[in-house]
Amino acid sequence: MTIMKKVILKTMEIEHFKGVKSQKIDFADYTEIIGDNGTGKSTINEAYMKKLFSEITAMSRLAQIVV
């Protein structure tokens, strides 16, 4: 049985990722990321996904070692 957890993103800081040197983003209950092409919308998503899945992968490895 898989248990799904709700992720609430409040703040994200990006440093030295792709074209972003340093950026802090505060999220509200509902946040839209909009802008012209080439302004970094996809970079924000990619940074979040990289962090999220690297954490999940690390936890998965730890669970395999502990079991």
Protein backbone atom coordinates (compact mmCIF):
# COMPACT_ATOMS: atom_id res chain seq x y z
CA MET A 1 0.00 0.00 0.00
CA THR A 2 1.38 3.39 -0.99
CA ILE A 3 0.75 6.33 1.29
CA MET A 4 0.64 9.70 -0.46
CA LYS A 5 1.70 12.78 1.45
CA LYS A 6 0.77 16.34 0.67
CA VAL A 7 3.69 18.65 -0.10
CA ILE A 8 3.22 22.33 0.68
CA LEU A 9 5.90 24.52 -0.80
CA LYS A 10 6.29 27.77 1.17
CA THR A 11 9.71 29.05 0.14
CA MET A 12 12.33 27.96 -2.35
CA GLU A 13 15.85 29.27 -2.70
CA ILE A 14 17.78 28.53 -5.88
CA GLU A 15 21.51 29.11 -6.07
CA HIS A 16 23.85 28.38 -8.96
CA PHE A 17 21.34 26.32 -10.92
CA LYS A 18 21.29 26.74 -14.69
CA GLY A 19 21.11 30.48 -15.35
CA VAL A 20 20.06 31.42 -11.80
CA LYS A 21 22.79 32.79 -9.56
CA SER A 22 20.56 33.36 -6.53
CA GLN A 23 16.79 33.62 -6.21
CA LYS A 24 14.32 33.27 -3.34
CA ILE A 25 10.67 32.58 -4.08
CA ASP A 26 7.91 32.83 -1.47
CA PHE A 27 4.79 30.85 -2.36
CA ALA A 28 1.23 31.63 -1.24
CA ASP A 29 -1.62 29.14 -0.92
CA TYR A 30 -2.03 29.50 -4.67
CA THR A 31 0.85 30.69 -6.84
CA GLU A 32 1.08 30.97 -10.61
CA ILE A 33 4.45 31.12 -12.29
CA ILE A 34 3.99 33.14 -15.45
CA GLY A 35 6.30 35.09 -17.73
CA ASP A 36 7.72 35.47 -21.20
CA ASN A 37 9.74 32.76 -22.87
CA GLY A 38 13.26 32.49 -21.51
CA THR A 39 12.52 34.07 -18.11
CA GLY A 40 13.12 30.94 -16.00
CA LYS A 41 9.70 29.37 -15.43
CA SER A 42 10.94 25.91 -16.36
CA THR A 43 14.12 26.41 -14.34
CA ILE A 44 12.04 26.91 -11.19
CA ASN A 45 10.17 23.67 -11.91
CA GLU A 46 13.35 21.75 -12.73
CA ALA A 47 15.09 22.93 -9.54
CA TYR A 48 12.10 21.80 -7.46
CA MET A 49 11.83 18.42 -9.18
CA LYS A 50 15.58 17.80 -8.86
CA LYS A 51 15.49 18.52 -5.13
CA LEU A 52 12.30 16.54 -4.56
CA PHE A 53 13.46 13.42 -6.38
CA SER A 54 17.03 13.52 -5.08
CA GLU A 55 15.56 13.52 -1.55
CA ILE A 56 13.20 10.64 -2.39
CA THR A 57 16.06 8.67 -3.95
CA ALA A 58 18.26 9.27 -0.90
CA MET A 59 15.45 8.17 1.46
CA SER A 60 14.83 5.10 -0.69
CA ARG A 61 18.52 4.15 -0.52
CA LEU A 62 18.50 4.66 3.25
CA ALA A 63 15.39 2.47 3.60
CA GLN A 64 17.09 -0.29 1.61
CA ILE A 65 20.17 -0.13 3.81
CA VAL A 66 18.14 -0.14 7.04
CA VAL A 67 15.87 -3.03 6.04
